[in-house]
Amino acid sequence: MIGHNNGPTMEPGTSWRTHCWQQARRSLLKTVPIEIVRSQMVRARELGLNYKTYASIRAESGQDVVAFLFSTNALRLLRSQDVLAPEAAEQLEALQDCGRLLAVNPPLPLPQNPLFSTITRAPAPFAPWAEMRQSLREALGKFPSGGVVLVGAPEVEREWVTAGKLAAYLPASRYFSQETQNG
């Protein structure tokens, strides 16, 4: 309705409904068929994630990961002369059946890089929510926001997830670590 900010409901019984939802989710997680777990493990490998990370993203968003949005901060591209680290490029090339998007932080120019399907301007630091949301919608293009995972570097980029209604936030240090890829 007009003026509603989609904040928490003020109706009575919210805590009870939350409790019921959490109980139902816990009981479902215990009975996931092994075939689904196996297929999710394969998908996690295709995305360069460990199963636990992938399963938590999927459980939170309710959707499969369809793309990763990387910030230039996450890729340590802080100056116009910086180049992508070979290890990071290798990990990006290994992504299968998944979009690779790059959000270029100001004032860097938009680079040309065939590893990314879309390269756009990142939201300005501390931009208003509406501006941030619009910038992220342009960055996502055809990808549904609920299936896009943001890989960011400074903690301030985490708010892009809320503004853009993205699936999850992974710190770059975690995404590019062996911990996320293997175990």
Protein backbone atom coordinates (compact mmCIF):
# COMPACT_ATOMS: atom_id res chain seq x y z
CA MET A 1 0.00 0.00 0.00
CA ILE A 2 1.10 3.61 -0.42
CA GLY A 3 3.63 4.71 2.19
CA HIS A 4 4.50 1.19 3.31
CA ASN A 5 8.24 0.70 3.66
CA ASN A 6 8.12 -3.12 3.86
CA GLY A 7 9.43 -2.99 7.40
CA PRO A 8 8.51 -5.57 10.04
CA THR A 9 4.83 -6.15 10.49
CA MET A 10 3.18 -4.60 13.50
CA GLU A 11 0.44 -7.24 13.65
CA PRO A 12 0.16 -9.34 16.80
CA GLY A 13 1.61 -12.83 16.60
CA THR A 14 4.76 -11.97 14.65
CA SER A 15 7.05 -13.79 17.06
CA TRP A 16 4.82 -16.89 16.92
CA ARG A 17 4.83 -16.94 13.10
CA THR A 18 8.61 -16.48 13.12
CA HIS A 19 8.96 -19.38 15.56
CA CYS A 20 6.74 -21.61 13.39
CA TRP A 21 8.68 -20.71 10.25
CA GLN A 22 12.01 -21.48 11.96
CA GLN A 23 10.72 -24.83 13.23
CA ALA A 24 9.41 -25.79 9.78
CA ARG A 25 12.73 -24.81 8.20
CA ARG A 26 14.71 -26.87 10.75
CA SER A 27 12.54 -29.93 10.17
CA LEU A 28 12.89 -29.56 6.39
CA LEU A 29 16.68 -29.27 6.56
CA LYS A 30 16.88 -32.58 8.41
CA THR A 31 14.97 -34.44 5.72
CA VAL A 32 16.48 -33.14 2.48
CA PRO A 33 16.77 -36.12 0.11
CA ILE A 34 20.32 -37.23 -0.64
CA GLU A 35 19.77 -36.66 -4.39
CA ILE A 36 19.11 -32.98 -3.76
CA VAL A 37 22.16 -32.70 -1.52
CA ARG A 38 24.31 -34.31 -4.22
CA SER A 39 22.99 -32.00 -6.93
CA GLN A 40 23.59 -29.00 -4.67
CA MET A 41 27.15 -30.17 -4.03
CA VAL A 42 27.75 -30.31 -7.79
CA ARG A 43 26.27 -26.81 -8.19
CA ALA A 44 28.42 -25.49 -5.33
CA ARG A 45 31.54 -26.79 -7.11
CA GLU A 46 30.43 -25.12 -10.37
CA LEU A 47 30.20 -21.83 -8.47
CA GLY A 48 33.54 -22.23 -6.72
CA LEU A 49 31.89 -22.43 -3.29
CA ASN A 50 31.91 -25.05 -0.60
CA TYR A 51 28.62 -26.82 0.08
CA LYS A 52 27.97 -25.11 3.41
CA THR A 53 28.32 -21.62 1.91
CA TYR A 54 26.19 -22.50 -1.12
CA ALA A 55 23.48 -24.19 0.96
CA SER A 56 23.25 -21.22 3.34
CA ILE A 57 22.91 -18.76 0.45
CA ARG A 58 20.28 -20.93 -1.17
CA ALA A 59 18.36 -21.38 2.10
CA GLU A 60 18.37 -17.66 2.82
CA SER A 61 17.41 -16.48 -0.66
CA GLY A 62 15.21 -19.41 -1.69
CA GLN A 63 16.81 -19.29 -5.14
CA ASP A 64 19.80 -20.69 -6.96
CA VAL A 65 22.80 -18.43 -7.51
CA VAL A 66 22.56 -17.11 -11.06
CA ALA A 67 25.31 -14.49 -10.95
CA PHE A 68 28.05 -12.94 -8.86
CA LEU A 69 28.45 -9.17 -8.64
CA PHE A 70 32.06 -8.24 -7.89
CA SER A 71 33.13 -4.77 -6.83
CA THR A 72 36.47 -3.43 -7.99
CA ASN A 73 37.38 -3.19 -4.30
CA ALA A 74 36.80 -6.94 -3.92
CA LEU A 75 39.09 -7.62 -6.87
CA ARG A 76 41.72 -5.20 -5.53
CA LEU A 77 41.40 -2.99 -8.58
CA LEU A 78 41.88 0.26 -6.71
CA ARG A 79 43.72 2.34 -9.33
CA SER A 80 43.24 2.52 -13.08
CA GLN A 81 46.61 0.82 -13.69
CA ASP A 82 45.84 -2.17 -11.41
CA VAL A 83 45.31 -5.56 -13.05
CA LEU A 84 43.34 -8.56 -11.90
CA ALA A 85 45.43 -11.03 -9.89
CA PRO A 86 46.04 -14.28 -11.85
CA GLU A 87 44.52 -16.40 -9.06
CA ALA A 88 41.35 -14.30 -9.05
CA ALA A 89 41.13 -14.42 -12.86
CA GLU A 90 41.51 -18.20 -12.76
CA GLN A 91 38.73 -18.54 -10.19
CA LEU A 92 36.44 -16.28 -12.23
CA GLU A 93 37.12 -18.25 -15.42
CA ALA A 94 36.21 -21.47 -13.59
CA LEU A 95 32.67 -20.25 -12.79
CA GLN A 96 30.13 -22.35 -14.70
CA ASP A 97 26.55 -21.51 -15.67
CA CYS A 98 26.72 -18.26 -13.78
CA GLY A 99 26.87 -14.59 -14.70
CA ARG A 100 29.90 -12.49 -13.78
CA LEU A 101 29.14 -8.83 -13.18
CA LEU A 102 31.56 -6.05 -12.27
CA ALA A 103 30.62 -2.89 -10.39
CA VAL A 104 33.35 -0.29 -10.88
CA ASN A 105 33.81 2.02 -7.92
CA PRO A 106 34.18 5.72 -8.67
CA PRO A 107 36.40 7.39 -9.86
CA LEU A 108 37.84 4.45 -11.82
CA PRO A 109 37.06 4.29 -15.55
CA LEU A 110 35.00 1.38 -16.87
CA PRO A 111 37.52 -1.25 -18.07
CA GLN A 112 37.14 -3.77 -20.87
CA ASN A 113 37.38 -7.32 -19.55
CA PRO A 114 35.95 -10.41 -21.29
CA LEU A 115 35.61 -12.23 -17.95
CA PHE A 116 32.54 -10.12 -17.13
CA SER A 117 29.21 -10.19 -18.95
CA THR A 118 28.35 -6.74 -17.58
CA ILE A 119 30.58 -3.91 -16.38
CA THR A 120 28.82 -0.90 -14.86
CA ARG A 121 29.32 1.87 -12.37
CA ALA A 122 29.00 0.89 -8.68
CA PRO A 123 26.74 2.88 -6.38
CA ALA A 124 28.43 5.99 -5.07
CA PRO A 125 29.72 5.64 -1.50
CA PHE A 126 27.02 6.55 1.03
CA ALA A 127 24.50 7.23 -1.75
CA PRO A 128 20.81 7.46 -0.84
CA TRP A 129 18.97 4.11 -0.97
CA ALA A 130 16.95 4.99 -4.05
CA GLU A 131 20.10 5.92 -5.96
CA MET A 132 21.87 2.79 -4.75
CA ARG A 133 18.92 0.59 -5.76
CA GLN A 134 18.75 2.15 -9.24
CA SER A 135 22.49 1.70 -9.78
CA LEU A 136 22.29 -1.96 -8.73
CA ARG A 137 19.27 -2.64 -10.97
CA GLU A 138 21.27 -1.31 -13.93
CA ALA A 139 24.26 -3.46 -12.91
CA LEU A 140 22.16 -6.63 -12.72
CA GLY A 141 20.58 -6.25 -16.13
CA LYS A 142 18.58 -9.40 -16.91
CA PHE A 143 19.56 -11.27 -13.73
CA PRO A 144 16.95 -11.54 -10.94
CA SER A 145 18.29 -9.74 -7.87
CA GLY A 146 17.35 -12.60 -5.52
CA GLY A 147 19.79 -14.91 -7.32
CA VAL A 148 22.80 -12.57 -7.33
CA VAL A 149 25.55 -12.80 -4.70
CA LEU A 150 27.65 -9.71 -4.00
CA VAL A 151 31.37 -10.29 -3.49
CA GLY A 152 32.60 -7.12 -1.82
CA ALA A 153 35.54 -5.82 0.14
CA PRO A 154 34.78 -3.02 2.58
CA GLU A 155 31.95 -3.72 4.96
CA VAL A 156 30.10 -0.63 3.67
CA GLU A 157 29.33 -2.54 0.44
CA ARG A 158 27.25 -5.01 2.45
CA GLU A 159 24.36 -2.55 2.39
CA TRP A 160 24.12 -3.05 -1.39
CA VAL A 161 22.52 -6.42 -0.62
CA THR A 162 19.62 -4.79 1.18
CA ALA A 163 19.29 -1.89 -1.26
CA GLY A 164 19.35 -4.16 -4.32
CA LYS A 165 17.50 -7.09 -2.71
CA LEU A 166 20.42 -9.38 -3.54
CA ALA A 167 20.75 -12.98 -2.36
CA ALA A 168 23.79 -12.61 -0.12
CA TYR A 169 27.06 -10.87 0.64
CA LEU A 170 30.40 -12.68 0.65
CA PRO A 171 33.49 -10.79 1.74
CA ALA A 172 36.18 -10.99 -0.95
CA SER A 173 38.62 -12.44 1.56
CA ARG A 174 36.24 -15.34 2.14
CA TYR A 175 35.22 -15.86 -1.50
CA PHE A 176 38.79 -16.00 -2.76
CA SER A 177 40.04 -18.16 0.12
CA GLN A 178 40.55 -21.91 -0.05
CA GLU A 179 38.05 -22.27 2.81
CA THR A 180 35.12 -21.20 0.58
CA GLN A 181 36.25 -23.28 -2.39
CA ASN A 182 37.03 -26.55 -0.65
CA GLY A 183 35.65 -27.64 2.63
